[in-house]
Amino acid sequence: MEFEDRIWFYLFQMPVTGYAVCVVLAAAAGLGLFLYRGSRRRLDTDALWGTALLALPLGLLGARLFYCLARFSLYEEIGLENMLRLWDGGYALWGAAGGAALAAVIGTRCGKQPLAPLLDALAPAGALTIALARFGEFFSGEGCGPYVEDEAFQFFPLAVYDGYYEEWKWAVFMLEGLAALAILAALLRKQRKAGDTARLFLLLYSACQILLESLRRDSYLRWLFVKVSQLTAAIVIVMLMAAATVRWARRKDARRMTGKGLLMRWLAAAASVGLIIALEFAVDDKIWHELPIWGIYGLMACACAVIGVSAHQTVFRSLKTE
């Protein structure tokens, strides 16, 4: 789909695409959920509204900044001033998450409210926003996977038709949206202690994104042969596990997991990351040529599940519940 075909209307002489409209509506829905949950939990009104008002602009700037830094060599070549051309597209979801978190940090200074409850209220809102924005990729032509060869699966929502190549492609964006909705359901299941809802969101989303990003065949960000979103997701999981390990080391009186058990979780996660790296080479047909593509992604899904379980047990099960 050409860019001109995606434009719905012009606003102040700037083109507005269908995907942009979907993203705005997704952000509005997310902020609505954030305000609703924050008010239900009686969070400080000034902090709540301060975060809500800053989340959208800082999320937008964070998404743009992350994208531009990931493709800095390109902007050096075409001119750094092009970073300011926000209407030309180029945003990264991890940057948006960082911008929203920064809004919460600033929001704590707007009122008397600790940071953790604000982040906990933002987590389900983020999952809802991601889900709706992913579904909106139907209008962008992005978020597609490999070609669908079996005619039995050549229909929406499993696949989308590529008019340029006259082929059907797997609709990975639908899978990503459904995964985000599943994460939202998990976050809303029960009340957790401060900070745990935000940690659970980051853990679940990161574990899912390692697999889902591999399925995409669009203009994803990459450094050399490494996909930026996958690398960022792995770094987030390592940081969550490292912080939990530090808490475990300091709380000898509240340990529920032995040092050997903790080490085994780290080794399982590390081995799974190594397997995923090898499978990425297999996807590019550089190794394991005899392994079918469904087998590659089946193994990758299992490896992501091991990472998720290992990280979850380390973050939430290594210490006794207070």
Protein backbone atom coordinates (compact mmCIF):
# COMPACT_ATOMS: atom_id res chain seq x y z
CA MET A 1 0.00 0.00 0.00
CA GLU A 2 1.45 3.36 -1.08
CA PHE A 3 1.58 6.21 1.45
CA GLU A 4 -0.89 8.27 -0.57
CA ASP A 5 -3.42 5.45 -0.34
CA ARG A 6 -3.20 5.48 3.46
CA ILE A 7 -4.08 9.18 3.85
CA TRP A 8 -7.62 9.78 5.13
CA PHE A 9 -7.55 13.58 5.28
CA TYR A 10 -5.30 16.61 5.80
CA LEU A 11 -5.07 18.62 9.02
CA PHE A 12 -3.31 21.97 8.76
CA GLN A 13 -1.87 20.74 5.45
CA MET A 14 -0.37 17.68 7.15
CA PRO A 15 -1.47 14.23 5.96
CA VAL A 16 -3.40 12.12 8.48
CA THR A 17 -3.43 8.39 7.85
CA GLY A 18 -5.89 5.79 9.04
CA TYR A 19 -3.21 4.28 11.24
CA ALA A 20 -2.55 7.66 12.89
CA VAL A 21 -6.26 7.98 13.70
CA CYS A 22 -6.21 4.49 15.24
CA VAL A 23 -3.17 5.35 17.35
CA VAL A 24 -4.82 8.52 18.66
CA LEU A 25 -7.99 6.61 19.55
CA ALA A 26 -5.89 3.86 21.17
CA ALA A 27 -4.03 6.44 23.28
CA ALA A 28 -7.34 8.07 24.29
CA ALA A 29 -8.74 4.70 25.37
CA GLY A 30 -5.57 3.95 27.32
CA LEU A 31 -5.65 7.29 29.11
CA GLY A 32 -9.32 6.77 29.91
CA LEU A 33 -8.54 3.42 31.51
CA PHE A 34 -5.62 4.97 33.40
CA LEU A 35 -7.79 7.72 34.87
CA TYR A 36 -10.56 5.27 35.73
CA ARG A 37 -8.28 2.83 37.53
CA GLY A 38 -6.38 5.65 39.23
CA SER A 39 -9.57 7.20 40.58
CA ARG A 40 -10.88 3.81 41.71
CA ARG A 41 -7.68 3.31 43.69
CA ARG A 42 -7.94 6.84 45.10
CA LEU A 43 -4.60 7.99 43.70
CA ASP A 44 -3.70 11.63 44.21
CA THR A 45 -5.77 13.65 41.73
CA ASP A 46 -3.01 16.12 40.86
CA ALA A 47 -0.49 13.34 40.24
CA LEU A 48 -3.05 11.36 38.22
CA TRP A 49 -3.99 14.23 35.92
CA GLY A 50 -0.41 15.47 35.67
CA THR A 51 0.64 12.04 34.43
CA ALA A 52 -2.31 11.80 32.04
CA LEU A 53 -1.62 15.20 30.48
CA LEU A 54 2.07 14.46 30.00
CA ALA A 55 1.81 10.83 28.92
CA LEU A 56 0.70 11.53 25.34
CA PRO A 57 3.26 14.22 24.38
CA LEU A 58 6.14 12.53 26.21
CA GLY A 59 5.14 9.14 24.81
CA LEU A 60 5.13 10.60 21.30
CA LEU A 61 8.50 12.29 21.79
CA GLY A 62 9.96 9.17 23.39
CA ALA A 63 8.78 7.00 20.52
CA ARG A 64 10.27 9.39 17.97
CA LEU A 65 13.55 9.78 19.89
CA PHE A 66 13.99 6.02 20.25
CA TYR A 67 13.37 5.52 16.54
CA CYS A 68 15.75 8.29 15.49
CA LEU A 69 18.52 7.05 17.78
CA ALA A 70 18.08 3.52 16.44
CA ARG A 71 18.44 4.89 12.90
CA PHE A 72 20.89 7.67 13.70
CA SER A 73 23.21 6.80 10.82
CA LEU A 74 20.31 7.33 8.39
CA TYR A 75 19.52 10.77 9.80
CA GLU A 76 23.20 11.71 9.70
CA GLU A 77 23.07 10.92 6.00
CA ILE A 78 19.80 12.68 5.11
CA GLY A 79 20.10 15.51 7.64
CA LEU A 80 19.44 15.64 11.38
CA GLU A 81 16.71 18.23 10.84
CA ASN A 82 14.54 15.42 9.44
CA MET A 83 14.19 14.08 12.98
CA LEU A 84 11.74 16.95 13.55
CA ARG A 85 9.49 15.89 10.65
CA LEU A 86 7.09 14.02 12.92
CA TRP A 87 4.52 13.64 10.17
CA ASP A 88 6.90 11.54 8.08
CA GLY A 89 6.49 8.61 10.47
CA GLY A 90 9.09 6.65 12.35
CA TYR A 91 8.18 5.76 15.93
CA ALA A 92 9.15 2.96 18.30
CA LEU A 93 6.84 1.50 20.93
CA TRP A 94 9.57 1.02 23.53
CA GLY A 95 10.31 4.74 23.35
CA ALA A 96 6.63 5.49 23.93
CA ALA A 97 6.68 3.28 27.03
CA GLY A 98 9.71 5.17 28.32
CA GLY A 99 8.00 8.50 27.69
CA ALA A 100 4.87 7.39 29.58
CA ALA A 101 7.02 6.22 32.49
CA LEU A 102 8.76 9.61 32.53
CA ALA A 103 5.31 11.25 32.66
CA ALA A 104 4.57 9.22 35.78
CA VAL A 105 7.87 10.31 37.35
CA ILE A 106 6.97 13.96 36.73
CA GLY A 107 3.41 13.26 37.86
CA THR A 108 4.65 12.28 41.32
CA ARG A 109 5.97 15.83 41.68
CA CYS A 110 2.58 17.27 40.77
CA GLY A 111 1.00 15.72 43.84
CA LYS A 112 1.68 13.59 46.89
CA GLN A 113 1.75 10.16 45.27
CA PRO A 114 4.46 7.46 45.20
CA LEU A 115 5.65 6.35 41.76
CA ALA A 116 4.81 2.63 41.95
CA PRO A 117 0.98 3.00 42.09
CA LEU A 118 1.06 5.37 39.12
CA LEU A 119 3.10 2.89 37.09
CA ASP A 120 0.71 0.12 38.14
CA ALA A 121 -2.21 2.15 36.82
CA LEU A 122 -0.32 2.87 33.60
CA ALA A 123 0.46 -0.79 32.88
CA PRO A 124 -3.09 -1.94 31.92
CA ALA A 125 -3.58 1.32 30.04
CA GLY A 126 -0.41 0.59 28.10
CA ALA A 127 -1.57 -2.93 27.26
CA LEU A 128 -4.92 -1.61 25.97
CA THR A 129 -3.21 1.10 23.92
CA ILE A 130 -0.81 -1.41 22.37
CA ALA A 131 -3.64 -3.80 21.51
CA LEU A 132 -5.74 -1.17 19.73
CA ALA A 133 -2.73 0.37 17.99
CA ARG A 134 -1.63 -3.06 16.73
CA PHE A 135 -5.08 -3.73 15.32
CA GLY A 136 -4.82 -0.34 13.62
CA GLU A 137 -1.80 -1.55 11.66
CA PHE A 138 -4.35 -3.00 9.26
CA PHE A 139 -4.44 0.50 7.74
CA SER A 140 -0.67 0.94 7.61
CA GLY A 141 0.40 -2.12 5.65
CA GLU A 142 2.84 -2.97 8.45
CA GLY A 143 2.89 -5.81 10.93
CA CYS A 144 2.83 -8.58 8.33
CA GLY A 145 4.70 -11.87 8.44
CA PRO A 146 5.80 -14.45 5.89
CA TYR A 147 3.73 -15.29 2.83
CA VAL A 148 0.84 -17.71 3.34
CA GLU A 149 1.19 -20.58 0.89
CA ASP A 150 -1.80 -22.66 1.98
CA GLU A 151 -4.99 -21.25 0.43
CA ALA A 152 -7.01 -22.54 3.40
CA PHE A 153 -5.43 -19.81 5.57
CA GLN A 154 -5.64 -16.97 3.04
CA PHE A 155 -8.32 -14.92 4.76
CA PHE A 156 -8.56 -12.10 7.29
CA PRO A 157 -7.92 -11.99 10.26
CA LEU A 158 -5.32 -14.75 9.81
CA ALA A 159 -3.77 -13.07 6.80
CA VAL A 160 -3.90 -9.85 4.77
CA TYR A 161 -3.63 -9.45 1.01
CA ASP A 162 -0.59 -7.70 -0.44
CA GLY A 163 -1.86 -6.07 -3.63
CA TYR A 164 1.62 -5.08 -4.81
CA TYR A 165 2.97 -8.64 -4.84
CA GLU A 166 -0.49 -10.21 -5.18
CA GLU A 167 0.21 -12.50 -2.24
CA TRP A 168 -1.26 -13.17 1.17
CA LYS A 169 0.83 -12.50 4.29
CA TRP A 170 0.30 -13.62 7.86
CA ALA A 171 -1.35 -10.84 9.91
CA VAL A 172 1.19 -10.71 12.74
CA PHE A 173 -0.30 -7.42 13.95
CA MET A 174 -3.51 -9.25 14.83
CA LEU A 175 -1.55 -11.76 16.89
CA GLU A 176 0.28 -8.91 18.64
CA GLY A 177 -3.01 -7.19 19.41
CA LEU A 178 -4.51 -10.38 20.84
CA ALA A 179 -1.37 -10.96 22.92
CA ALA A 180 -1.69 -7.44 24.35
CA LEU A 181 -5.35 -8.09 25.22
CA ALA A 182 -4.32 -11.32 26.97
CA ILE A 183 -1.73 -9.37 28.95
CA LEU A 184 -4.40 -6.80 29.83
CA ALA A 185 -6.65 -9.59 31.15
CA ALA A 186 -3.78 -10.95 33.25
CA LEU A 187 -3.05 -7.52 34.71
CA LEU A 188 -6.69 -6.96 35.68
CA ARG A 189 -7.14 -10.34 37.37
CA LYS A 190 -6.23 -9.35 40.91
CA GLN A 191 -4.78 -6.61 43.08
CA ARG A 192 -1.04 -6.86 43.61
CA LYS A 193 1.41 -5.10 45.86
CA ALA A 194 2.80 -1.78 44.64
CA GLY A 195 4.99 -2.07 41.57
CA ASP A 196 4.15 -5.68 40.73
CA THR A 197 1.54 -4.89 38.06
CA ALA A 198 4.05 -2.75 36.17
CA ARG A 199 6.71 -5.45 36.50
CA LEU A 200 4.31 -8.12 35.26
CA PHE A 201 3.38 -6.01 32.25
CA LEU A 202 7.02 -5.49 31.28
CA LEU A 203 7.82 -9.16 31.76
CA LEU A 204 4.88 -10.54 29.78
CA TYR A 205 5.14 -8.03 26.97
CA SER A 206 8.89 -8.52 26.61
CA ALA A 207 8.64 -12.32 26.54
CA CYS A 208 5.91 -12.16 23.88
CA GLN A 209 7.64 -9.50 21.81
CA ILE A 210 10.82 -11.55 21.37
CA LEU A 211 8.79 -14.07 19.38
CA LEU A 212 6.33 -11.73 17.69
CA GLU A 213 9.01 -9.35 16.46
CA SER A 214 10.75 -12.28 14.78
CA LEU A 215 7.58 -13.06 12.84
CA ARG A 216 7.36 -9.58 11.30
CA ARG A 217 8.65 -9.00 7.78
CA ASP A 218 8.14 -5.23 7.59
CA SER A 219 10.34 -2.19 8.14
CA TYR A 220 11.39 -3.11 11.67
CA LEU A 221 14.37 -1.47 13.35
CA ARG A 222 17.61 -3.39 13.35
CA TRP A 223 21.23 -2.89 14.32
CA LEU A 224 23.28 -4.98 11.89
CA PHE A 225 21.42 -8.31 12.08
CA VAL A 226 19.86 -7.70 15.55
CA LYS A 227 16.24 -6.55 15.76
CA VAL A 228 16.07 -3.59 18.12
CA SER A 229 12.73 -4.52 19.68
CA GLN A 230 13.92 -8.05 20.46
CA LEU A 231 17.14 -6.76 22.00
CA THR A 232 15.27 -4.18 24.08
CA ALA A 233 12.82 -6.83 25.31
CA ALA A 234 15.72 -9.08 26.36
CA ILE A 235 17.42 -6.19 28.17
CA VAL A 236 14.19 -5.37 30.04
CA ILE A 237 13.85 -8.98 31.21
CA VAL A 238 17.50 -9.08 32.34
CA MET A 239 16.99 -5.83 34.27
CA LEU A 240 13.88 -7.19 35.98
CA MET A 241 15.68 -10.38 36.95
CA ALA A 242 18.77 -8.48 38.08
CA ALA A 243 16.73 -6.16 40.31
CA ALA A 244 14.93 -9.16 41.81
CA THR A 245 18.26 -10.89 42.41
CA VAL A 246 19.56 -7.82 44.25
CA ARG A 247 16.43 -7.81 46.43
CA TRP A 248 16.93 -11.53 47.07
CA ALA A 249 20.57 -10.99 48.08
CA ARG A 250 19.60 -8.28 50.56
CA ARG A 251 16.65 -10.13 52.14
CA LYS A 252 18.19 -13.22 53.71
CA ASP A 253 15.34 -13.42 56.19
CA ALA A 254 12.63 -13.55 53.52
CA ARG A 255 14.11 -15.89 50.92
CA ARG A 256 11.81 -18.50 49.47
CA MET A 257 14.21 -19.65 46.73
CA THR A 258 17.67 -21.10 47.31
CA GLY A 259 20.75 -19.72 45.61
CA LYS A 260 20.92 -22.85 43.48
CA GLY A 261 17.30 -22.40 42.42
CA LEU A 262 17.93 -18.78 41.49
CA LEU A 263 21.02 -19.73 39.50
CA MET A 264 19.05 -22.39 37.62
CA ARG A 265 16.48 -19.77 36.55
CA TRP A 266 19.25 -17.54 35.24
CA LEU A 267 20.87 -20.42 33.36
CA ALA A 268 17.54 -21.49 31.86
CA ALA A 269 16.87 -17.93 30.66
CA ALA A 270 20.41 -17.55 29.28
CA ALA A 271 20.25 -20.89 27.46
CA SER A 272 16.89 -19.92 25.96
CA VAL A 273 18.31 -16.60 24.73
CA GLY A 274 21.17 -18.50 23.11
CA LEU A 275 18.71 -20.85 21.41
CA ILE A 276 16.65 -17.89 20.13
CA ILE A 277 19.78 -16.31 18.62
CA ALA A 278 20.54 -19.58 16.84
CA LEU A 279 16.93 -19.83 15.65
CA GLU A 280 17.15 -16.31 14.21
CA PHE A 281 19.99 -17.56 12.01
CA ALA A 282 17.82 -20.53 11.10
CA VAL A 283 15.01 -18.16 10.06
CA ASP A 284 17.50 -16.54 7.64
CA ASP A 285 18.35 -20.06 6.38
CA LYS A 286 21.97 -19.82 7.50
CA ILE A 287 21.91 -22.91 9.72
CA TRP A 288 19.64 -25.91 10.33
CA HIS A 289 18.38 -25.88 6.74
CA GLU A 290 16.37 -29.05 7.25
CA LEU A 291 14.24 -27.51 10.02
CA PRO A 292 10.84 -26.29 8.71
CA ILE A 293 9.79 -22.72 9.48
CA TRP A 294 6.93 -23.87 11.72
CA GLY A 295 9.44 -25.94 13.68
CA ILE A 296 11.74 -22.94 14.09
CA TYR A 297 8.98 -20.75 15.48
CA GLY A 298 7.63 -23.59 17.60
CA LEU A 299 11.03 -23.90 19.28
CA MET A 300 11.27 -20.13 19.62
CA ALA A 301 7.87 -19.99 21.30
CA CYS A 302 9.02 -22.66 23.78
CA ALA A 303 12.24 -20.73 24.46
CA CYS A 304 10.26 -17.53 25.08
CA ALA A 305 7.98 -19.44 27.46
CA VAL A 306 11.02 -20.70 29.40
CA ILE A 307 12.36 -17.15 29.62
CA GLY A 308 8.99 -15.88 30.80
CA VAL A 309 8.59 -18.58 33.45
CA SER A 310 12.18 -18.23 34.67
CA ALA A 311 11.86 -14.46 34.90
CA HIS A 312 8.44 -14.66 36.59
CA GLN A 313 9.68 -17.05 39.25
CA THR A 314 12.77 -14.91 39.86
CA VAL A 315 10.86 -11.63 40.07
CA PHE A 316 7.76 -12.81 41.95
CA ARG A 317 8.68 -16.08 43.67
CA SER A 318 12.23 -15.69 44.93
CA LEU A 319 11.09 -13.92 48.11
CA LYS A 320 8.25 -14.65 50.49
CA THR A 321 5.11 -12.60 50.01
CA GLU A 322 4.94 -9.86 52.56
